[in-house]
């Protein structure tokens, strides 16, 4: 943390630049973000829209099918190995 009273180059801006920024800010007209959000909130309240969720459809799971297929092959190989090795 810098000591008090010590200014570095990036600790301050040029006075002319600051004045230009303040002039630009004063010239800008229009609603603030808070005012825009309030307006959006009022629009949302006045236009009550209900969204219907679509009916759920179960789809086949390719990964699960591959896993089940792998397990079936593994069981068959294991049973075959037991018969051959006994």
N, C-alpha and C. Protein backbone atom coordinates (compact mmCIF):
# COMPACT_ATOMS: atom_id res chain seq x y z
N UNK A 1 0.84 -1.17 0.00
CA UNK A 1 0.00 0.00 0.00
C UNK A 1 0.89 1.24 0.00
N UNK A 2 0.63 2.19 -0.90
CA UNK A 2 1.50 3.37 -0.95
C UNK A 2 1.33 4.25 0.28
N UNK A 3 2.40 4.93 0.61
CA UNK A 3 2.35 5.86 1.74
C UNK A 3 1.49 7.06 1.36
N UNK A 4 0.86 7.64 2.36
CA UNK A 4 0.04 8.82 2.11
C UNK A 4 0.92 9.96 1.62
N UNK A 5 0.44 10.71 0.67
CA UNK A 5 1.18 11.85 0.16
C UNK A 5 2.09 11.49 -1.01
N UNK A 6 2.23 10.21 -1.30
CA UNK A 6 3.08 9.79 -2.41
C UNK A 6 2.18 9.48 -3.60
N UNK A 7 2.38 10.22 -4.69
CA UNK A 7 1.58 10.01 -5.89
C UNK A 7 2.43 9.32 -6.94
N UNK A 8 1.84 8.32 -7.54
CA UNK A 8 2.50 7.68 -8.67
C UNK A 8 1.82 8.16 -9.93
N UNK A 9 2.39 7.88 -11.07
CA UNK A 9 1.87 8.38 -12.34
C UNK A 9 0.43 7.93 -12.58
N UNK A 10 0.08 6.71 -12.18
CA UNK A 10 -1.26 6.20 -12.44
C UNK A 10 -2.24 6.49 -11.30
N UNK A 11 -1.83 7.24 -10.30
CA UNK A 11 -2.71 7.58 -9.19
C UNK A 11 -3.57 8.80 -9.47
N UNK A 12 -3.28 9.52 -10.55
CA UNK A 12 -4.04 10.74 -10.82
C UNK A 12 -4.25 10.87 -12.33
N UNK A 13 -5.22 11.69 -12.70
CA UNK A 13 -5.44 11.98 -14.12
C UNK A 13 -5.26 13.47 -14.34
N UNK A 14 -5.05 13.79 -15.56
CA UNK A 14 -4.85 15.19 -15.95
C UNK A 14 -6.13 15.98 -15.66
N UNK A 15 -5.98 17.20 -15.15
CA UNK A 15 -7.13 18.06 -14.82
C UNK A 15 -7.96 18.34 -16.06
N UNK A 16 -7.32 18.58 -17.20
CA UNK A 16 -8.07 18.85 -18.44
C UNK A 16 -8.91 17.62 -18.84
N UNK A 17 -8.32 16.44 -18.70
CA UNK A 17 -9.06 15.21 -19.02
C UNK A 17 -10.26 15.05 -18.09
N UNK A 18 -10.05 15.32 -16.80
CA UNK A 18 -11.15 15.24 -15.84
C UNK A 18 -12.27 16.22 -16.21
N UNK A 19 -11.90 17.43 -16.56
CA UNK A 19 -12.90 18.43 -16.94
C UNK A 19 -13.65 18.00 -18.20
N UNK A 20 -12.94 17.43 -19.16
CA UNK A 20 -13.60 16.93 -20.37
C UNK A 20 -14.59 15.82 -20.05
N UNK A 21 -14.18 14.91 -19.16
CA UNK A 21 -15.08 13.81 -18.76
C UNK A 21 -16.33 14.34 -18.05
N UNK A 22 -16.14 15.33 -17.19
CA UNK A 22 -17.27 15.89 -16.46
C UNK A 22 -18.20 16.63 -17.42
N UNK A 23 -17.65 17.32 -18.40
CA UNK A 23 -18.46 18.03 -19.40
C UNK A 23 -19.25 17.03 -20.23
N UNK A 24 -18.58 15.97 -20.65
CA UNK A 24 -19.25 14.92 -21.43
C UNK A 24 -20.38 14.30 -20.62
N UNK A 25 -20.13 14.02 -19.37
CA UNK A 25 -21.15 13.42 -18.50
C UNK A 25 -22.34 14.35 -18.33
N UNK A 26 -22.08 15.63 -18.20
CA UNK A 26 -23.16 16.61 -18.01
C UNK A 26 -23.99 16.74 -19.28
N UNK A 27 -23.35 16.59 -20.46
CA UNK A 27 -24.07 16.72 -21.73
C UNK A 27 -24.94 15.51 -22.03
N UNK A 28 -24.57 14.39 -21.50
CA UNK A 28 -25.33 13.17 -21.79
C UNK A 28 -26.69 13.26 -21.13
N UNK A 29 -27.69 13.09 -21.95
CA UNK A 29 -29.03 13.08 -21.38
C UNK A 29 -29.62 11.70 -21.60
N UNK A 30 -30.54 11.36 -20.80
CA UNK A 30 -31.18 10.05 -20.92
C UNK A 30 -31.33 9.42 -19.56
N UNK A 31 -32.07 8.35 -19.55
CA UNK A 31 -32.32 7.69 -18.27
C UNK A 31 -31.08 6.96 -17.75
N UNK A 32 -31.04 6.84 -16.45
CA UNK A 32 -29.97 6.08 -15.83
C UNK A 32 -30.29 4.59 -15.94
N UNK A 33 -29.34 3.78 -15.61
CA UNK A 33 -29.57 2.33 -15.66
C UNK A 33 -30.68 1.94 -14.69
N UNK A 34 -30.70 2.55 -13.52
CA UNK A 34 -31.74 2.26 -12.53
C UNK A 34 -33.12 2.60 -13.09
N UNK A 35 -33.22 3.73 -13.79
CA UNK A 35 -34.51 4.12 -14.38
C UNK A 35 -34.92 3.15 -15.47
N UNK A 36 -33.96 2.70 -16.28
CA UNK A 36 -34.27 1.72 -17.33
C UNK A 36 -34.72 0.39 -16.74
N UNK A 37 -34.08 -0.03 -15.66
CA UNK A 37 -34.48 -1.28 -15.01
C UNK A 37 -35.87 -1.17 -14.41
N UNK A 38 -36.18 -0.02 -13.83
CA UNK A 38 -37.53 0.20 -13.30
C UNK A 38 -38.56 0.14 -14.42
N UNK A 39 -38.24 0.72 -15.56
CA UNK A 39 -39.16 0.70 -16.70
C UNK A 39 -39.38 -0.73 -17.19
N UNK A 40 -38.30 -1.50 -17.27
CA UNK A 40 -38.43 -2.90 -17.68
C UNK A 40 -39.27 -3.70 -16.70
N UNK A 41 -39.09 -3.41 -15.43
CA UNK A 41 -39.88 -4.10 -14.40
C UNK A 41 -41.36 -3.79 -14.55
N UNK A 42 -41.69 -2.53 -14.83
CA UNK A 42 -43.09 -2.15 -15.03
C UNK A 42 -43.68 -2.81 -16.27
N UNK A 43 -42.89 -2.87 -17.34
CA UNK A 43 -43.36 -3.53 -18.56
C UNK A 43 -43.62 -5.00 -18.29
N UNK A 44 -42.71 -5.64 -17.57
CA UNK A 44 -42.88 -7.06 -17.25
C UNK A 44 -44.15 -7.29 -16.42
N UNK A 45 -44.41 -6.41 -15.48
CA UNK A 45 -45.61 -6.54 -14.65
C UNK A 45 -46.88 -6.33 -15.46
N UNK A 46 -46.85 -5.38 -16.37
CA UNK A 46 -48.06 -5.07 -17.14
C UNK A 46 -48.34 -6.09 -18.23
N UNK A 47 -47.31 -6.72 -18.74
CA UNK A 47 -47.48 -7.72 -19.79
C UNK A 47 -47.21 -9.10 -19.22
N UNK A 48 -48.13 -9.59 -18.44
CA UNK A 48 -47.96 -10.90 -17.82
C UNK A 48 -47.98 -11.98 -18.90
N UNK A 49 -46.87 -12.59 -19.11
CA UNK A 49 -46.73 -13.63 -20.13
C UNK A 49 -46.45 -14.94 -19.43
N UNK A 50 -47.24 -15.95 -19.79
CA UNK A 50 -47.01 -17.27 -19.24
C UNK A 50 -46.41 -18.15 -20.33
N UNK A 51 -45.37 -18.84 -19.97
CA UNK A 51 -44.71 -19.73 -20.92
C UNK A 51 -45.05 -21.16 -20.53
N UNK A 52 -45.58 -21.90 -21.50
CA UNK A 52 -45.91 -23.29 -21.25
C UNK A 52 -44.70 -24.16 -21.54
N UNK A 53 -44.38 -25.00 -20.60
CA UNK A 53 -43.26 -25.91 -20.80
C UNK A 53 -43.73 -27.09 -21.65
N UNK A 54 -42.92 -27.50 -22.62
CA UNK A 54 -43.32 -28.62 -23.47
C UNK A 54 -43.34 -29.92 -22.67
N UNK A 55 -44.10 -30.88 -23.18
CA UNK A 55 -44.18 -32.19 -22.53
C UNK A 55 -42.82 -32.86 -22.64
N UNK A 56 -42.42 -33.50 -21.57
CA UNK A 56 -41.12 -34.17 -21.54
C UNK A 56 -41.17 -35.45 -22.36
N UNK A 57 -40.15 -35.67 -23.15
CA UNK A 57 -40.03 -36.89 -23.94
C UNK A 57 -38.71 -37.55 -23.58
N UNK A 58 -38.77 -38.81 -23.20
CA UNK A 58 -37.53 -39.55 -22.94
C UNK A 58 -36.93 -39.98 -24.27
N UNK A 59 -35.66 -39.75 -24.41
CA UNK A 59 -34.96 -40.12 -25.63
C UNK A 59 -33.99 -41.25 -25.32
N UNK A 60 -33.68 -42.08 -26.32
CA UNK A 60 -32.72 -43.16 -26.07
C UNK A 60 -31.34 -42.60 -25.71
N UNK A 61 -30.69 -43.29 -24.81
CA UNK A 61 -29.37 -42.88 -24.36
C UNK A 61 -28.34 -43.82 -24.98
N UNK A 62 -27.60 -43.32 -25.97
CA UNK A 62 -26.63 -44.16 -26.69
C UNK A 62 -25.52 -44.65 -25.76
N UNK A 63 -25.09 -43.83 -24.84
CA UNK A 63 -24.02 -44.25 -23.92
C UNK A 63 -24.48 -45.39 -23.03
N UNK A 64 -25.72 -45.32 -22.56
CA UNK A 64 -26.25 -46.39 -21.72
C UNK A 64 -26.39 -47.68 -22.51
N UNK A 65 -26.83 -47.58 -23.76
CA UNK A 65 -26.96 -48.77 -24.61
C UNK A 65 -25.60 -49.40 -24.85
N UNK A 66 -24.58 -48.59 -25.10
CA UNK A 66 -23.23 -49.14 -25.30
C UNK A 66 -22.72 -49.82 -24.05
N UNK A 67 -22.98 -49.24 -22.88
CA UNK A 67 -22.54 -49.83 -21.62
C UNK A 67 -23.23 -51.17 -21.38
N UNK A 68 -24.55 -51.21 -21.61
CA UNK A 68 -25.28 -52.46 -21.43
C UNK A 68 -24.77 -53.53 -22.39
N UNK A 69 -24.50 -53.16 -23.64
CA UNK A 69 -23.97 -54.08 -24.64
C UNK A 69 -22.61 -54.61 -24.20
N UNK A 70 -21.75 -53.74 -23.70
CA UNK A 70 -20.43 -54.13 -23.23
C UNK A 70 -20.55 -55.12 -22.06
N UNK A 71 -21.46 -54.83 -21.13
CA UNK A 71 -21.62 -55.70 -19.97
C UNK A 71 -22.14 -57.07 -20.38
N UNK A 72 -23.06 -57.12 -21.36
CA UNK A 72 -23.56 -58.42 -21.85
C UNK A 72 -22.44 -59.23 -22.47
N UNK A 73 -21.61 -58.60 -23.29
CA UNK A 73 -20.50 -59.31 -23.91
C UNK A 73 -19.52 -59.80 -22.86
N UNK A 74 -19.31 -59.03 -21.84
CA UNK A 74 -18.37 -59.39 -20.79
C UNK A 74 -18.88 -60.60 -20.01
N UNK A 75 -20.18 -60.61 -19.72
CA UNK A 75 -20.76 -61.73 -18.99
C UNK A 75 -20.68 -62.99 -19.83
N UNK A 76 -20.99 -62.91 -21.12
CA UNK A 76 -20.94 -64.08 -22.00
C UNK A 76 -19.52 -64.60 -22.08
N UNK A 77 -18.54 -63.72 -22.23
CA UNK A 77 -17.15 -64.16 -22.29
C UNK A 77 -16.75 -64.83 -20.98
N UNK A 78 -17.19 -64.28 -19.86
CA UNK A 78 -16.84 -64.85 -18.57
C UNK A 78 -17.43 -66.25 -18.42
N UNK A 79 -18.70 -66.44 -18.82
CA UNK A 79 -19.34 -67.76 -18.74
C UNK A 79 -18.65 -68.74 -19.68
N UNK A 80 -18.26 -68.27 -20.88
CA UNK A 80 -17.57 -69.14 -21.82
C UNK A 80 -16.21 -69.54 -21.28
N UNK A 81 -15.52 -68.58 -20.69
CA UNK A 81 -14.20 -68.87 -20.11
C UNK A 81 -14.34 -69.90 -18.99
N UNK A 82 -15.40 -69.83 -18.20
CA UNK A 82 -15.61 -70.79 -17.12
C UNK A 82 -15.82 -72.19 -17.67
N UNK A 83 -16.60 -72.30 -18.75
CA UNK A 83 -16.87 -73.61 -19.33
C UNK A 83 -15.61 -74.21 -19.97
N UNK A 84 -14.84 -73.38 -20.62
CA UNK A 84 -13.63 -73.85 -21.31
C UNK A 84 -12.55 -74.22 -20.31
N UNK A 85 -12.42 -73.42 -19.25
CA UNK A 85 -11.33 -73.64 -18.29
C UNK A 85 -11.68 -74.69 -17.24
N UNK A 86 -12.88 -75.23 -17.23
CA UNK A 86 -13.22 -76.19 -16.16
C UNK A 86 -12.95 -77.60 -16.57
